[in-house]
Amino acid sequence: MRVAPGVIAIWMCAIVAPSIALADTPARDGLSLGFGLGVGWTAWTWPDGEHRTEGSASGNLRVGWALRNDCLVGLEVWGWSKSYSIEFVPENVPARIIVWAATPAVTYFPGDAGFFVRGGVGVGQGRADVDPDPSVDFPASGDTHDTGLALLAEAGYEYQLTPHQALGAAAHGVYIALDEPPFDDVTSYGLTVEFNWYW
């Protein structure tokens, strides 16, 4: 007898979903360390008025302390970088963009389960290294940077691997208030796979 793929998928979900929902959560009762790797899309405005959105690798690091098993406080450091060529006449201009933020953050696990939300307020910076040929009259050149207020929002789910280790996935958004060319209110969003340890 042949079984339809949809039936197999439903059957697998019926077996796996309860085990995830009922899985124990890590023992969050002290120091916590973690990092995440993924992809992000960052938007800013060049001095010529062009609004750009670029995708590249992103990552984060965190250290914190559990006030309760469902609430952690700590420091979250996020970063994004990309090197590419800006289309320009008479020739393209090489550029490298680095954006980062460091925010004291609170992580909350509603119902002391795997789902979590995280928010933070801190400082962020955008840095642009633009190297046009001397014959190219591009409106920006050299290494420029600006620093401003940073806001972090994140939501995700983590699954216990061991009593003190968890694997998770999260979606994040970062806003950095910048007004120094070539940056104008940087925004970024993306997805990460996260690894966390609790002691």
C-alpha atoms as a PDB file:
ATOM      1  CA  MET A   1       0.000   0.000   0.000  1.00  0.00           C
ATOM      2  CA  ARG A   2       1.336   3.433  -0.927  1.00  0.00           C
ATOM      3  CA  VAL A   3       1.184   6.203   1.706  1.00  0.00           C
ATOM      4  CA  ALA A   4       0.867   9.819   0.574  1.00  0.00           C
ATOM      5  CA  PRO A   5       3.768  12.147   1.552  1.00  0.00           C
ATOM      6  CA  GLY A   6       1.296  14.482   3.285  1.00  0.00           C
ATOM      7  CA  VAL A   7       0.121  11.688   5.558  1.00  0.00           C
ATOM      8  CA  ILE A   8       3.726  10.871   6.474  1.00  0.00           C
ATOM      9  CA  ALA A   9       4.432  14.543   7.263  1.00  0.00           C
ATOM     10  CA  ILE A  10       1.354  14.795   9.499  1.00  0.00           C
ATOM     11  CA  TRP A  11       2.287  11.573  11.264  1.00  0.00           C
ATOM     12  CA  MET A  12       5.855  12.811  11.908  1.00  0.00           C
ATOM     13  CA  CYS A  13       4.591  16.141  13.250  1.00  0.00           C
ATOM     14  CA  ALA A  14       2.169  14.349  15.536  1.00  0.00           C
ATOM     15  CA  ILE A  15       5.085  12.409  17.050  1.00  0.00           C
ATOM     16  CA  VAL A  16       7.696  15.179  17.205  1.00  0.00           C
ATOM     17  CA  ALA A  17       5.569  18.170  18.249  1.00  0.00           C
ATOM     18  CA  PRO A  18       4.492  16.797  21.663  1.00  0.00           C
ATOM     19  CA  SER A  19       8.058  15.853  22.541  1.00  0.00           C
ATOM     20  CA  ILE A  20       9.197  19.414  21.792  1.00  0.00           C
ATOM     21  CA  ALA A  21       6.302  20.991  23.653  1.00  0.00           C
ATOM     22  CA  LEU A  22       6.883  18.816  26.741  1.00  0.00           C
ATOM     23  CA  ALA A  23      10.686  18.994  26.687  1.00  0.00           C
ATOM     24  CA  ASP A  24      12.354  20.199  29.871  1.00  0.00           C
ATOM     25  CA  THR A  25      13.869  23.662  29.790  1.00  0.00           C
ATOM     26  CA  PRO A  26      17.522  24.258  30.664  1.00  0.00           C
ATOM     27  CA  ALA A  27      18.373  25.031  34.279  1.00  0.00           C
ATOM     28  CA  ARG A  28      18.680  28.808  33.997  1.00  0.00           C
ATOM     29  CA  ASP A  29      19.861  29.571  37.525  1.00  0.00           C
ATOM     30  CA  GLY A  30      23.092  31.528  37.199  1.00  0.00           C
ATOM     31  CA  LEU A  31      25.639  32.591  34.620  1.00  0.00           C
ATOM     32  CA  SER A  32      24.695  32.282  30.951  1.00  0.00           C
ATOM     33  CA  LEU A  33      26.825  32.526  27.819  1.00  0.00           C
ATOM     34  CA  GLY A  34      25.781  32.257  24.204  1.00  0.00           C
ATOM     35  CA  PHE A  35      26.366  33.165  20.593  1.00  0.00           C
ATOM     36  CA  GLY A  36      24.426  33.158  17.347  1.00  0.00           C
ATOM     37  CA  LEU A  37      25.266  32.961  13.648  1.00  0.00           C
ATOM     38  CA  GLY A  38      22.980  33.763  10.761  1.00  0.00           C
ATOM     39  CA  VAL A  39      22.068  36.235   8.049  1.00  0.00           C
ATOM     40  CA  GLY A  40      20.812  39.800   8.200  1.00  0.00           C
ATOM     41  CA  TRP A  41      19.644  42.619   5.937  1.00  0.00           C
ATOM     42  CA  THR A  42      20.790  46.150   6.755  1.00  0.00           C
ATOM     43  CA  ALA A  43      19.506  49.413   5.273  1.00  0.00           C
ATOM     44  CA  TRP A  44      21.044  52.895   5.170  1.00  0.00           C
ATOM     45  CA  THR A  45      21.227  55.955   2.880  1.00  0.00           C
ATOM     46  CA  TRP A  46      24.309  57.022   0.929  1.00  0.00           C
ATOM     47  CA  PRO A  47      25.252  60.732   0.578  1.00  0.00           C
ATOM     48  CA  ASP A  48      23.947  60.680  -3.024  1.00  0.00           C
ATOM     49  CA  GLY A  49      20.487  59.900  -1.646  1.00  0.00           C
ATOM     50  CA  GLU A  50      20.445  56.238  -2.644  1.00  0.00           C
ATOM     51  CA  HIS A  51      18.738  54.038  -0.062  1.00  0.00           C
ATOM     52  CA  ARG A  52      20.462  50.672   0.072  1.00  0.00           C
ATOM     53  CA  THR A  53      19.482  47.354   1.633  1.00  0.00           C
ATOM     54  CA  GLU A  54      22.194  44.699   1.658  1.00  0.00           C
ATOM     55  CA  GLY A  55      22.205  41.123   2.924  1.00  0.00           C
ATOM     56  CA  SER A  56      25.202  39.468   4.551  1.00  0.00           C
ATOM     57  CA  ALA A  57      26.287  37.291   7.458  1.00  0.00           C
ATOM     58  CA  SER A  58      25.556  38.505  10.984  1.00  0.00           C
ATOM     59  CA  GLY A  59      26.220  37.260  14.476  1.00  0.00           C
ATOM     60  CA  ASN A  60      25.812  37.967  18.166  1.00  0.00           C
ATOM     61  CA  LEU A  61      27.403  37.258  21.520  1.00  0.00           C
ATOM     62  CA  ARG A  62      25.748  37.417  24.921  1.00  0.00           C
ATOM     63  CA  VAL A  63      26.584  37.080  28.582  1.00  0.00           C
ATOM     64  CA  GLY A  64      24.003  37.255  31.307  1.00  0.00           C
ATOM     65  CA  TRP A  65      22.698  36.221  34.687  1.00  0.00           C
ATOM     66  CA  ALA A  66      19.433  34.460  35.486  1.00  0.00           C
ATOM     67  CA  LEU A  67      17.296  36.356  37.982  1.00  0.00           C
ATOM     68  CA  ARG A  68      14.781  33.526  37.717  1.00  0.00           C
ATOM     69  CA  ASN A  69      14.499  30.498  35.466  1.00  0.00           C
ATOM     70  CA  ASP A  70      12.281  32.548  33.137  1.00  0.00           C
ATOM     71  CA  CYS A  71      14.140  35.902  33.249  1.00  0.00           C
ATOM     72  CA  LEU A  72      17.734  36.795  32.371  1.00  0.00           C
ATOM     73  CA  VAL A  73      19.563  40.121  32.303  1.00  0.00           C
ATOM     74  CA  GLY A  74      22.837  40.691  30.488  1.00  0.00           C
ATOM     75  CA  LEU A  75      24.740  42.248  27.610  1.00  0.00           C
ATOM     76  CA  GLU A  76      24.016  41.476  23.947  1.00  0.00           C
ATOM     77  CA  VAL A  77      26.568  42.372  21.237  1.00  0.00           C
ATOM     78  CA  TRP A  78      25.393  42.188  17.617  1.00  0.00           C
ATOM     79  CA  GLY A  79      27.350  42.755  14.406  1.00  0.00           C
ATOM     80  CA  TRP A  80      26.921  42.794  10.613  1.00  0.00           C
ATOM     81  CA  SER A  81      29.458  43.399   7.838  1.00  0.00           C
ATOM     82  CA  LYS A  82      29.676  43.373   4.048  1.00  0.00           C
ATOM     83  CA  SER A  83      32.203  44.247   1.342  1.00  0.00           C
ATOM     84  CA  TYR A  84      30.941  45.027  -2.153  1.00  0.00           C
ATOM     85  CA  SER A  85      31.221  47.405  -5.111  1.00  0.00           C
ATOM     86  CA  ILE A  86      29.013  50.480  -5.443  1.00  0.00           C
ATOM     87  CA  GLU A  87      27.787  50.972  -8.996  1.00  0.00           C
ATOM     88  CA  PHE A  88      29.028  54.349 -10.165  1.00  0.00           C
ATOM     89  CA  VAL A  89      30.165  56.127 -13.333  1.00  0.00           C
ATOM     90  CA  PRO A  90      32.854  55.977 -14.685  1.00  0.00           C
ATOM     91  CA  GLU A  91      33.697  52.917 -12.544  1.00  0.00           C
ATOM     92  CA  ASN A  92      32.461  51.017  -9.503  1.00  0.00           C
ATOM     93  CA  VAL A  93      33.667  52.021  -6.046  1.00  0.00           C
ATOM     94  CA  PRO A  94      34.796  49.365  -3.495  1.00  0.00           C
ATOM     95  CA  ALA A  95      33.251  49.726  -0.043  1.00  0.00           C
ATOM     96  CA  ARG A  96      33.095  47.876   3.250  1.00  0.00           C
ATOM     97  CA  ILE A  97      30.302  48.463   5.759  1.00  0.00           C
ATOM     98  CA  ILE A  98      30.441  47.405   9.419  1.00  0.00           C
ATOM     99  CA  VAL A  99      27.514  47.904  11.796  1.00  0.00           C
ATOM    100  CA  TRP A 100      27.427  46.795  15.430  1.00  0.00           C
ATOM    101  CA  ALA A 101      25.452  47.376  18.604  1.00  0.00           C
ATOM    102  CA  ALA A 102      26.021  46.625  22.298  1.00  0.00           C
ATOM    103  CA  THR A 103      22.869  46.646  24.409  1.00  0.00           C
ATOM    104  CA  PRO A 104      22.095  45.723  28.015  1.00  0.00           C
ATOM    105  CA  ALA A 105      19.168  43.361  27.473  1.00  0.00           C
ATOM    106  CA  VAL A 106      16.420  41.446  29.263  1.00  0.00           C
ATOM    107  CA  THR A 107      15.352  37.991  28.062  1.00  0.00           C
ATOM    108  CA  TYR A 108      11.987  36.623  29.164  1.00  0.00           C
ATOM    109  CA  PHE A 109      10.660  33.069  28.713  1.00  0.00           C
ATOM    110  CA  PRO A 110       6.833  33.209  29.078  1.00  0.00           C
ATOM    111  CA  GLY A 111       5.606  30.237  31.054  1.00  0.00           C
ATOM    112  CA  ASP A 112       9.211  29.173  31.708  1.00  0.00           C
ATOM    113  CA  ALA A 113       9.176  27.335  28.354  1.00  0.00           C
ATOM    114  CA  GLY A 114      11.312  27.433  25.214  1.00  0.00           C
ATOM    115  CA  PHE A 115       9.796  30.521  23.570  1.00  0.00           C
ATOM    116  CA  PHE A 116      11.526  33.789  24.472  1.00  0.00           C
ATOM    117  CA  VAL A 117      11.490  37.515  23.790  1.00  0.00           C
ATOM    118  CA  ARG A 118      14.470  39.807  24.260  1.00  0.00           C
ATOM    119  CA  GLY A 119      14.796  43.583  24.282  1.00  0.00           C
ATOM    120  CA  GLY A 120      17.639  45.995  24.885  1.00  0.00           C
ATOM    121  CA  VAL A 121      18.738  49.625  24.688  1.00  0.00           C
ATOM    122  CA  GLY A 122      22.372  50.612  24.268  1.00  0.00           C
ATOM    123  CA  VAL A 123      24.871  52.058  21.826  1.00  0.00           C
ATOM    124  CA  GLY A 124      25.592  51.235  18.192  1.00  0.00           C
ATOM    125  CA  GLN A 125      27.970  52.292  15.456  1.00  0.00           C
ATOM    126  CA  GLY A 126      28.111  52.314  11.675  1.00  0.00           C
ATOM    127  CA  ARG A 127      31.459  52.375   9.883  1.00  0.00           C
ATOM    128  CA  ALA A 128      32.068  52.798   6.150  1.00  0.00           C
ATOM    129  CA  ASP A 129      35.396  52.345   4.401  1.00  0.00           C
ATOM    130  CA  VAL A 130      35.047  53.699   0.855  1.00  0.00           C
ATOM    131  CA  ASP A 131      38.027  53.664  -1.501  1.00  0.00           C
ATOM    132  CA  PRO A 132      37.219  55.328  -4.844  1.00  0.00           C
ATOM    133  CA  ASP A 133      39.836  55.772  -7.543  1.00  0.00           C
ATOM    134  CA  PRO A 134      41.238  59.345  -7.545  1.00  0.00           C
ATOM    135  CA  SER A 135      39.631  59.868 -10.944  1.00  0.00           C
ATOM    136  CA  VAL A 136      36.153  59.083  -9.564  1.00  0.00           C
ATOM    137  CA  ASP A 137      34.198  61.966  -8.035  1.00  0.00           C
ATOM    138  CA  PHE A 138      32.259  59.888  -5.479  1.00  0.00           C
ATOM    139  CA  PRO A 139      30.555  61.900  -2.669  1.00  0.00           C
ATOM    140  CA  ALA A 140      32.268  59.900   0.099  1.00  0.00           C
ATOM    141  CA  SER A 141      35.743  58.455   0.602  1.00  0.00           C
ATOM    142  CA  GLY A 142      37.981  57.175   3.370  1.00  0.00           C
ATOM    143  CA  ASP A 143      36.988  55.653   6.702  1.00  0.00           C
ATOM    144  CA  THR A 144      33.977  57.359   8.284  1.00  0.00           C
ATOM    145  CA  HIS A 145      31.849  56.331  11.246  1.00  0.00           C
ATOM    146  CA  ASP A 146      29.064  57.505  13.523  1.00  0.00           C
ATOM    147  CA  THR A 147      27.772  56.347  16.913  1.00  0.00           C
ATOM    148  CA  GLY A 148      24.275  56.585  18.338  1.00  0.00           C
ATOM    149  CA  LEU A 149      21.461  55.069  20.346  1.00  0.00           C
ATOM    150  CA  ALA A 150      20.721  51.408  19.541  1.00  0.00           C
ATOM    151  CA  LEU A 151      17.510  49.425  20.085  1.00  0.00           C
ATOM    152  CA  LEU A 152      17.302  45.620  19.960  1.00  0.00           C
ATOM    153  CA  ALA A 153      14.218  43.400  19.687  1.00  0.00           C
ATOM    154  CA  GLU A 154      14.344  39.621  19.319  1.00  0.00           C
ATOM    155  CA  ALA A 155      12.028  36.629  19.551  1.00  0.00           C
ATOM    156  CA  GLY A 156      12.791  32.943  19.214  1.00  0.00           C
ATOM    157  CA  TYR A 157      12.661  29.439  20.617  1.00  0.00           C
ATOM    158  CA  GLU A 158      15.319  27.316  22.283  1.00  0.00           C
ATOM    159  CA  TYR A 159      15.323  23.555  22.737  1.00  0.00           C
ATOM    160  CA  GLN A 160      17.175  21.781  25.532  1.00  0.00           C
ATOM    161  CA  LEU A 161      20.136  19.653  24.447  1.00  0.00           C
ATOM    162  CA  THR A 162      21.409  18.967  27.975  1.00  0.00           C
ATOM    163  CA  PRO A 163      20.345  20.303  31.397  1.00  0.00           C
ATOM    164  CA  HIS A 164      22.755  23.227  30.866  1.00  0.00           C
ATOM    165  CA  GLN A 165      22.861  23.654  27.072  1.00  0.00           C
ATOM    166  CA  ALA A 166      20.259  24.786  24.542  1.00  0.00           C
ATOM    167  CA  LEU A 167      19.994  25.171  20.774  1.00  0.00           C
ATOM    168  CA  GLY A 168      17.633  27.761  19.358  1.00  0.00           C
ATOM    169  CA  ALA A 169      16.569  29.962  16.464  1.00  0.00           C
ATOM    170  CA  ALA A 170      15.586  33.621  16.590  1.00  0.00           C
ATOM    171  CA  ALA A 171      14.473  36.573  14.505  1.00  0.00           C
ATOM    172  CA  HIS A 172      15.915  39.974  15.414  1.00  0.00           C
ATOM    173  CA  GLY A 173      15.574  43.637  14.572  1.00  0.00           C
ATOM    174  CA  VAL A 174      18.108  46.378  15.322  1.00  0.00           C
ATOM    175  CA  TYR A 175      17.751  50.141  14.960  1.00  0.00           C
ATOM    176  CA  ILE A 176      20.680  52.570  15.340  1.00  0.00           C
ATOM    177  CA  ALA A 177      20.044  56.323  15.370  1.00  0.00           C
ATOM    178  CA  LEU A 178      22.797  57.718  13.120  1.00  0.00           C
ATOM    179  CA  ASP A 179      22.885  60.932  11.092  1.00  0.00           C
ATOM    180  CA  GLU A 180      26.492  61.192   9.893  1.00  0.00           C
ATOM    181  CA  PRO A 181      27.044  60.451   6.162  1.00  0.00           C
ATOM    182  CA  PRO A 182      26.948  57.842   4.757  1.00  0.00           C
ATOM    183  CA  PHE A 183      24.543  56.633   7.439  1.00  0.00           C
ATOM    184  CA  ASP A 184      21.012  57.759   8.180  1.00  0.00           C
ATOM    185  CA  ASP A 185      19.083  55.814  10.838  1.00  0.00           C
ATOM    186  CA  VAL A 186      20.389  52.292  10.207  1.00  0.00           C
ATOM    187  CA  THR A 187      17.896  49.433  10.461  1.00  0.00           C
ATOM    188  CA  SER A 188      18.655  45.714  10.316  1.00  0.00           C
ATOM    189  CA  TYR A 189      16.700  42.495  10.617  1.00  0.00           C
ATOM    190  CA  GLY A 190      17.618  38.848  10.256  1.00  0.00           C
ATOM    191  CA  LEU A 191      17.615  35.259  11.481  1.00  0.00           C
ATOM    192  CA  THR A 192      20.156  33.426  13.644  1.00  0.00           C
ATOM    193  CA  VAL A 193      20.821  29.972  14.999  1.00  0.00           C
ATOM    194  CA  GLU A 194      21.737  30.354  18.670  1.00  0.00           C
ATOM    195  CA  PHE A 195      23.781  28.260  21.120  1.00  0.00           C
ATOM    196  CA  ASN A 196      23.356  28.974  24.838  1.00  0.00           C
ATOM    197  CA  TRP A 197      24.924  27.585  28.007  1.00  0.00           C
ATOM    198  CA  TYR A 198      23.606  27.974  31.574  1.00  0.00           C
ATOM    199  CA  TRP A 199      25.383  27.301  34.898  1.00  0.00           C
END
